[in-house]
């Protein structure tokens, strides 16, 4: 899910659940990877994910000029397994 904060920054969100389908935190704070439409890594240096509540996280991403589509992946460990949440964002400027 994405929500627009201003013309350049959007909030990327992810919710993680355990195998019992309940919201659950990852063992460590999840990381995020962002790639452009060509799957080239454009993750900002030092990108830090913020915990909002149990199992829910966000990252506010300032989209570089010229980017109209990108992909993101939150990932971390849960119950000894690597878990991830992925998304795609297509932007149209009015």
N, C-alpha and C. Protein backbone atom coordinates (compact mmCIF):
# COMPACT_ATOMS: atom_id res chain seq x y z
N UNK A 1 0.84 -1.18 0.00
CA UNK A 1 0.00 0.00 0.00
C UNK A 1 0.88 1.24 0.00
N UNK A 2 0.46 2.26 -0.71
CA UNK A 2 1.19 3.51 -0.70
C UNK A 2 0.24 4.65 -0.42
N UNK A 3 0.72 5.62 0.31
CA UNK A 3 -0.04 6.84 0.51
C UNK A 3 0.86 8.00 0.18
N UNK A 4 0.34 8.99 -0.51
CA UNK A 4 1.14 10.12 -0.93
C UNK A 4 1.23 11.15 0.17
N UNK A 5 2.44 11.60 0.48
CA UNK A 5 2.64 12.62 1.50
C UNK A 5 2.84 13.98 0.87
N UNK A 6 3.58 14.05 -0.22
CA UNK A 6 3.72 15.27 -1.00
C UNK A 6 4.12 14.86 -2.40
N UNK A 7 4.48 15.79 -3.25
CA UNK A 7 4.72 15.44 -4.64
C UNK A 7 5.96 14.59 -4.87
N UNK A 8 6.88 14.55 -3.92
CA UNK A 8 8.13 13.82 -4.12
C UNK A 8 8.31 12.62 -3.20
N UNK A 9 7.55 12.55 -2.13
CA UNK A 9 7.76 11.52 -1.13
C UNK A 9 6.49 10.67 -0.97
N UNK A 10 6.68 9.36 -0.94
CA UNK A 10 5.55 8.47 -0.70
C UNK A 10 5.90 7.54 0.45
N UNK A 11 4.89 7.05 1.13
CA UNK A 11 5.09 6.13 2.25
C UNK A 11 4.84 4.71 1.76
N UNK A 12 5.87 3.88 1.88
CA UNK A 12 5.77 2.46 1.55
C UNK A 12 5.50 1.72 2.85
N UNK A 13 4.56 0.80 2.85
CA UNK A 13 4.20 0.10 4.08
C UNK A 13 4.21 -1.41 3.88
N UNK A 14 4.40 -2.12 4.98
CA UNK A 14 4.37 -3.58 4.94
C UNK A 14 3.85 -4.10 6.28
N UNK A 15 3.13 -5.20 6.22
CA UNK A 15 2.66 -5.89 7.43
C UNK A 15 3.14 -7.32 7.37
N UNK A 16 3.73 -7.78 8.44
CA UNK A 16 4.25 -9.14 8.53
C UNK A 16 3.39 -9.96 9.48
N UNK A 17 3.15 -11.21 9.11
CA UNK A 17 2.39 -12.13 9.95
C UNK A 17 3.22 -13.38 10.21
N UNK A 18 2.92 -14.04 11.33
CA UNK A 18 3.59 -15.31 11.61
C UNK A 18 2.85 -16.44 10.91
N UNK A 19 3.32 -17.67 11.11
CA UNK A 19 2.71 -18.82 10.42
C UNK A 19 1.28 -19.07 10.89
N UNK A 20 0.91 -18.53 12.06
CA UNK A 20 -0.47 -18.66 12.56
C UNK A 20 -1.37 -17.55 12.01
N UNK A 21 -0.84 -16.74 11.10
CA UNK A 21 -1.55 -15.66 10.42
C UNK A 21 -1.92 -14.49 11.36
N UNK A 22 -1.08 -14.29 12.39
CA UNK A 22 -1.25 -13.15 13.28
C UNK A 22 -0.14 -12.15 13.01
N UNK A 23 -0.44 -10.86 13.10
CA UNK A 23 0.60 -9.86 12.96
C UNK A 23 1.73 -10.16 13.93
N UNK A 24 2.96 -10.06 13.44
CA UNK A 24 4.12 -10.37 14.28
C UNK A 24 5.32 -9.57 13.79
N UNK A 25 6.13 -9.11 14.73
CA UNK A 25 7.36 -8.43 14.36
C UNK A 25 8.36 -9.42 13.80
N UNK A 26 9.23 -8.91 12.94
CA UNK A 26 10.35 -9.72 12.48
C UNK A 26 11.38 -9.76 13.61
N UNK A 27 12.29 -10.71 13.56
CA UNK A 27 13.28 -10.87 14.62
C UNK A 27 14.13 -9.62 14.77
N UNK A 28 14.50 -9.01 13.66
CA UNK A 28 15.21 -7.73 13.65
C UNK A 28 14.40 -6.77 12.78
N UNK A 29 14.67 -5.49 12.91
CA UNK A 29 13.98 -4.51 12.09
C UNK A 29 14.16 -4.88 10.62
N UNK A 30 13.06 -4.93 9.85
CA UNK A 30 13.20 -5.29 8.44
C UNK A 30 14.07 -4.29 7.68
N UNK A 31 14.64 -4.75 6.61
CA UNK A 31 15.39 -3.88 5.69
C UNK A 31 14.50 -3.63 4.48
N UNK A 32 14.92 -2.69 3.63
CA UNK A 32 14.17 -2.42 2.41
C UNK A 32 15.14 -2.34 1.24
N UNK A 33 14.69 -2.83 0.10
CA UNK A 33 15.40 -2.70 -1.17
C UNK A 33 14.44 -2.06 -2.15
N UNK A 34 14.95 -1.14 -2.96
CA UNK A 34 14.14 -0.46 -3.96
C UNK A 34 14.88 -0.57 -5.29
N UNK A 35 14.15 -0.89 -6.36
CA UNK A 35 14.75 -1.04 -7.68
C UNK A 35 13.92 -0.27 -8.70
N UNK A 36 14.60 0.27 -9.72
CA UNK A 36 13.87 0.98 -10.77
C UNK A 36 13.20 0.00 -11.72
N UNK A 37 12.56 0.51 -12.76
CA UNK A 37 11.82 -0.34 -13.70
C UNK A 37 12.70 -1.38 -14.39
N UNK A 38 14.02 -1.12 -14.46
CA UNK A 38 14.96 -2.06 -15.05
C UNK A 38 15.57 -3.00 -14.02
N UNK A 39 15.04 -2.97 -12.80
CA UNK A 39 15.49 -3.79 -11.67
C UNK A 39 16.89 -3.43 -11.19
N UNK A 40 17.30 -2.18 -11.42
CA UNK A 40 18.58 -1.68 -10.92
C UNK A 40 18.34 -1.12 -9.52
N UNK A 41 19.19 -1.50 -8.57
CA UNK A 41 19.03 -1.06 -7.18
C UNK A 41 19.17 0.45 -7.06
N UNK A 42 18.14 1.08 -6.50
CA UNK A 42 18.17 2.53 -6.25
C UNK A 42 17.85 2.82 -4.78
N UNK A 43 18.13 1.85 -3.92
CA UNK A 43 17.88 2.03 -2.49
C UNK A 43 18.77 3.14 -1.94
N UNK A 44 18.19 4.14 -1.27
CA UNK A 44 19.03 5.19 -0.70
C UNK A 44 19.98 4.63 0.36
N UNK A 45 21.18 5.17 0.41
CA UNK A 45 22.15 4.78 1.42
C UNK A 45 21.59 5.06 2.80
N UNK A 46 21.69 4.10 3.69
CA UNK A 46 21.23 4.28 5.06
C UNK A 46 19.72 4.20 5.23
N UNK A 47 19.01 3.66 4.26
CA UNK A 47 17.55 3.55 4.35
C UNK A 47 17.17 2.77 5.60
N UNK A 48 16.35 3.37 6.46
CA UNK A 48 15.94 2.74 7.70
C UNK A 48 14.43 2.62 7.76
N UNK A 49 13.96 1.42 7.99
CA UNK A 49 12.54 1.13 8.10
C UNK A 49 12.08 1.50 9.51
N UNK A 50 10.87 2.04 9.63
CA UNK A 50 10.30 2.46 10.90
C UNK A 50 9.20 1.48 11.31
N UNK A 51 9.22 1.06 12.58
CA UNK A 51 8.16 0.20 13.11
C UNK A 51 7.00 1.08 13.57
N UNK A 52 5.80 0.78 13.08
CA UNK A 52 4.61 1.54 13.48
C UNK A 52 3.88 0.88 14.64
N UNK A 53 3.69 -0.41 14.56
CA UNK A 53 3.04 -1.18 15.61
C UNK A 53 3.37 -2.65 15.34
N UNK A 54 2.82 -3.52 16.13
CA UNK A 54 3.12 -4.94 16.00
C UNK A 54 3.00 -5.40 14.54
N UNK A 55 4.12 -5.81 13.96
CA UNK A 55 4.14 -6.37 12.61
C UNK A 55 3.97 -5.39 11.48
N UNK A 56 3.82 -4.09 11.76
CA UNK A 56 3.62 -3.12 10.68
C UNK A 56 4.76 -2.10 10.65
N UNK A 57 5.22 -1.81 9.44
CA UNK A 57 6.39 -0.98 9.23
C UNK A 57 6.17 -0.04 8.05
N UNK A 58 6.98 1.03 8.00
CA UNK A 58 6.93 1.91 6.84
C UNK A 58 8.30 2.49 6.53
N UNK A 59 8.40 3.00 5.33
CA UNK A 59 9.59 3.73 4.90
C UNK A 59 9.11 4.87 4.01
N UNK A 60 9.51 6.10 4.32
CA UNK A 60 9.16 7.26 3.50
C UNK A 60 10.24 7.43 2.44
N UNK A 61 9.83 7.29 1.18
CA UNK A 61 10.77 7.28 0.06
C UNK A 61 10.60 8.52 -0.79
N UNK A 62 11.67 9.28 -0.95
CA UNK A 62 11.67 10.42 -1.86
C UNK A 62 12.09 9.90 -3.23
N UNK A 63 11.16 9.97 -4.15
CA UNK A 63 11.37 9.39 -5.48
C UNK A 63 12.29 10.30 -6.30
N UNK A 64 13.38 9.72 -6.85
CA UNK A 64 14.30 10.53 -7.66
C UNK A 64 13.62 11.04 -8.93
N UNK A 65 14.09 12.17 -9.41
CA UNK A 65 13.57 12.73 -10.66
C UNK A 65 13.71 11.71 -11.78
N UNK A 66 12.70 11.64 -12.62
CA UNK A 66 12.75 10.75 -13.79
C UNK A 66 12.27 9.34 -13.54
N UNK A 67 11.98 8.98 -12.30
CA UNK A 67 11.50 7.63 -11.98
C UNK A 67 9.98 7.64 -12.05
N UNK A 68 9.41 6.78 -12.89
CA UNK A 68 7.95 6.71 -12.97
C UNK A 68 7.41 5.36 -12.51
N UNK A 69 8.28 4.39 -12.34
CA UNK A 69 7.88 3.07 -11.86
C UNK A 69 9.05 2.49 -11.07
N UNK A 70 8.73 1.89 -9.92
CA UNK A 70 9.78 1.21 -9.16
C UNK A 70 9.16 0.08 -8.35
N UNK A 71 10.03 -0.78 -7.86
CA UNK A 71 9.64 -1.95 -7.08
C UNK A 71 10.30 -1.85 -5.71
N UNK A 72 9.63 -2.37 -4.70
CA UNK A 72 10.24 -2.36 -3.37
C UNK A 72 10.01 -3.70 -2.68
N UNK A 73 10.89 -3.97 -1.73
CA UNK A 73 10.83 -5.24 -0.98
C UNK A 73 11.28 -4.97 0.45
N UNK A 74 10.37 -5.19 1.41
CA UNK A 74 10.73 -5.20 2.82
C UNK A 74 11.10 -6.65 3.13
N UNK A 75 12.15 -6.89 3.91
CA UNK A 75 12.50 -8.27 4.25
C UNK A 75 13.15 -8.36 5.62
N UNK A 76 12.93 -9.50 6.26
CA UNK A 76 13.50 -9.74 7.58
C UNK A 76 13.32 -11.21 7.95
N UNK A 77 13.69 -11.56 9.16
CA UNK A 77 13.57 -12.94 9.62
C UNK A 77 12.37 -13.07 10.55
N UNK A 78 11.64 -14.17 10.39
CA UNK A 78 10.51 -14.47 11.26
C UNK A 78 10.45 -15.97 11.47
N UNK A 79 10.45 -16.38 12.71
CA UNK A 79 10.40 -17.80 13.06
C UNK A 79 11.46 -18.61 12.30
N UNK A 80 12.67 -18.01 12.19
CA UNK A 80 13.79 -18.70 11.57
C UNK A 80 13.76 -18.74 10.05
N UNK A 81 12.85 -18.00 9.42
CA UNK A 81 12.71 -18.02 7.97
C UNK A 81 12.78 -16.59 7.43
N UNK A 82 13.44 -16.41 6.28
CA UNK A 82 13.45 -15.11 5.62
C UNK A 82 12.07 -14.85 5.04
N UNK A 83 11.47 -13.72 5.40
CA UNK A 83 10.15 -13.34 4.91
C UNK A 83 10.26 -11.98 4.22
N UNK A 84 9.38 -11.75 3.24
CA UNK A 84 9.41 -10.46 2.56
C UNK A 84 8.02 -10.04 2.12
N UNK A 85 7.88 -8.77 1.91
CA UNK A 85 6.67 -8.16 1.36
C UNK A 85 7.12 -7.28 0.21
N UNK A 86 6.50 -7.47 -0.95
CA UNK A 86 6.92 -6.75 -2.15
C UNK A 86 5.80 -5.90 -2.69
N UNK A 87 6.18 -4.89 -3.46
CA UNK A 87 5.19 -4.04 -4.10
C UNK A 87 5.78 -3.34 -5.31
N UNK A 88 4.89 -2.81 -6.11
CA UNK A 88 5.25 -2.06 -7.31
C UNK A 88 4.52 -0.73 -7.26
N UNK A 89 5.20 0.33 -7.63
CA UNK A 89 4.59 1.66 -7.64
C UNK A 89 4.77 2.25 -9.03
N UNK A 90 3.67 2.69 -9.62
CA UNK A 90 3.69 3.41 -10.87
C UNK A 90 3.21 4.82 -10.60
N UNK A 91 3.99 5.80 -10.95
CA UNK A 91 3.65 7.19 -10.68
C UNK A 91 3.23 7.88 -11.97
N UNK A 92 2.25 8.72 -11.89
CA UNK A 92 1.92 9.58 -13.01
C UNK A 92 1.84 10.99 -12.46
N UNK A 93 2.56 11.87 -13.09
CA UNK A 93 2.61 13.25 -12.64
C UNK A 93 1.60 14.07 -13.41
N UNK A 94 0.82 14.84 -12.68
CA UNK A 94 -0.22 15.65 -13.29
C UNK A 94 0.25 17.08 -13.39
